[in-house]
Amino acid sequence: MRIEQIGDWTLEDRLAISGMAVVVRFMETGEKGGASRRDFLKVATEHPQARFYEVDLVENPGLALRFGITQIPMVIVFINGVEVARQGGNLMATTVDRALGDSSS
């Protein structure tokens, strides 16, 4: 599973595509990969039907305000361009599984 790093305009384009589940990890330059990055990679592998992206808020600061991001990292799940779930911090697998359907079923 490939996780693509995108910016604000590309994110807008991806959210406009009907019928697609999009999972976005908002992070900041210099943030260590750590548990959050490993968890995100694992979840992406378990949900091949969704598209997974990372957005650097240092390069795209307006998105933090637009999406009300108060904690870094933050993962938001969109379906048909509408936010259906969000999780701040390192452990996002349960939130993504609930939004997209548990990958183990």
Protein backbone atom coordinates (compact mmCIF):
# COMPACT_ATOMS: atom_id res chain seq x y z
CA MET A 1 0.00 0.00 0.00
CA ARG A 2 1.32 3.36 -0.99
CA ILE A 3 0.66 6.46 1.10
CA GLU A 4 0.91 9.61 -0.98
CA GLN A 5 1.96 12.96 0.44
CA ILE A 6 -0.29 15.69 -0.95
CA GLY A 7 -1.08 19.39 -0.52
CA ASP A 8 -4.25 21.37 -0.04
CA TRP A 9 -5.37 21.59 -3.69
CA THR A 10 -4.78 17.90 -4.30
CA LEU A 11 -6.72 17.06 -1.14
CA GLU A 12 -9.67 19.11 -2.43
CA ASP A 13 -9.55 17.15 -5.70
CA ARG A 14 -9.47 13.79 -3.88
CA LEU A 15 -12.40 14.71 -1.63
CA ALA A 16 -14.48 15.67 -4.68
CA ILE A 17 -14.33 12.13 -6.10
CA SER A 18 -17.65 10.44 -5.40
CA GLY A 19 -17.73 6.97 -3.89
CA MET A 20 -14.18 6.98 -2.59
CA ALA A 21 -13.07 6.58 1.02
CA VAL A 22 -10.15 8.89 1.80
CA VAL A 23 -8.06 8.68 4.98
CA VAL A 24 -5.78 11.64 5.67
CA ARG A 25 -3.05 11.85 8.27
CA PHE A 26 -2.29 15.48 9.10
CA MET A 27 1.24 15.90 10.47
CA GLU A 28 4.03 18.46 10.69
CA THR A 29 7.49 18.50 9.14
CA GLY A 30 10.01 17.11 11.57
CA GLU A 31 7.48 14.91 13.32
CA LYS A 32 9.09 11.60 13.98
CA GLY A 33 7.53 8.65 12.16
CA GLY A 34 7.15 6.64 15.35
CA ALA A 35 4.02 4.78 16.35
CA SER A 36 1.69 7.08 14.41
CA ARG A 37 3.40 6.44 11.07
CA ARG A 38 3.67 2.68 11.66
CA ASP A 39 0.00 2.48 12.69
CA PHE A 40 -1.03 4.47 9.61
CA LEU A 41 0.94 2.16 7.30
CA LYS A 42 -0.60 -0.92 8.93
CA VAL A 43 -4.14 0.45 8.61
CA ALA A 44 -3.53 1.39 4.97
CA THR A 45 -2.46 -2.17 4.21
CA GLU A 46 -5.61 -3.54 5.87
CA HIS A 47 -7.97 -1.29 3.87
CA PRO A 48 -6.97 -1.47 0.19
CA GLN A 49 -10.38 -0.11 -0.88
CA ALA A 50 -9.54 3.32 0.58
CA ARG A 51 -6.97 5.92 -0.45
CA PHE A 52 -4.46 7.02 2.19
CA TYR A 53 -2.71 10.40 2.17
CA GLU A 54 -0.47 12.50 4.39
CA VAL A 55 -0.66 16.28 4.53
CA ASP A 56 2.12 18.37 6.06
CA LEU A 57 0.52 21.24 7.98
CA VAL A 58 3.76 23.25 7.91
CA GLU A 59 3.43 23.42 4.12
CA ASN A 60 -0.39 23.71 4.20
CA PRO A 61 -1.18 25.73 7.36
CA GLY A 62 -4.67 26.78 6.26
CA LEU A 63 -5.89 23.19 6.48
CA ALA A 64 -5.43 23.09 10.26
CA LEU A 65 -7.98 25.87 10.64
CA ARG A 66 -10.26 24.57 7.88
CA PHE A 67 -10.54 21.10 9.43
CA GLY A 68 -10.31 22.21 13.08
CA ILE A 69 -7.12 20.29 13.76
CA THR A 70 -6.04 20.87 17.35
CA GLN A 71 -3.79 17.86 17.86
CA ILE A 72 -0.93 16.50 15.77
CA PRO A 73 -0.97 13.92 14.32
CA MET A 74 -4.63 13.84 13.36
CA VAL A 75 -6.31 11.29 11.10
CA ILE A 76 -9.60 12.13 9.41
CA VAL A 77 -11.69 9.65 7.42
CA PHE A 78 -13.83 11.02 4.58
CA ILE A 79 -16.42 9.10 2.59
CA ASN A 80 -17.84 10.82 -0.48
CA GLY A 81 -16.02 13.98 0.64
CA VAL A 82 -17.77 14.08 4.03
CA GLU A 83 -15.91 13.62 7.30
CA VAL A 84 -17.14 10.48 9.07
CA ALA A 85 -14.46 10.00 11.75
CA ARG A 86 -11.36 11.59 13.25
CA GLN A 87 -8.71 10.55 15.73
CA GLY A 88 -5.89 12.56 17.25
CA GLY A 89 -2.71 10.97 18.50
CA ASN A 90 -0.91 7.79 17.67
CA LEU A 91 -3.52 5.03 17.76
CA MET A 92 -5.96 5.42 14.91
CA ALA A 93 -6.63 1.84 13.78
CA THR A 94 -9.87 1.38 15.74
CA THR A 95 -11.32 4.66 14.46
CA VAL A 96 -10.44 3.88 10.83
CA ASP A 97 -11.77 0.30 11.19
CA ARG A 98 -15.09 1.61 12.53
CA ALA A 99 -15.44 4.12 9.69
CA LEU A 100 -14.40 1.77 6.86
CA GLY A 101 -15.52 -1.53 8.30
CA ASP A 102 -13.36 -3.82 10.38
CA SER A 103 -10.74 -5.29 8.05
CA SER A 104 -10.73 -8.61 9.90
CA SER A 105 -14.36 -9.44 9.04
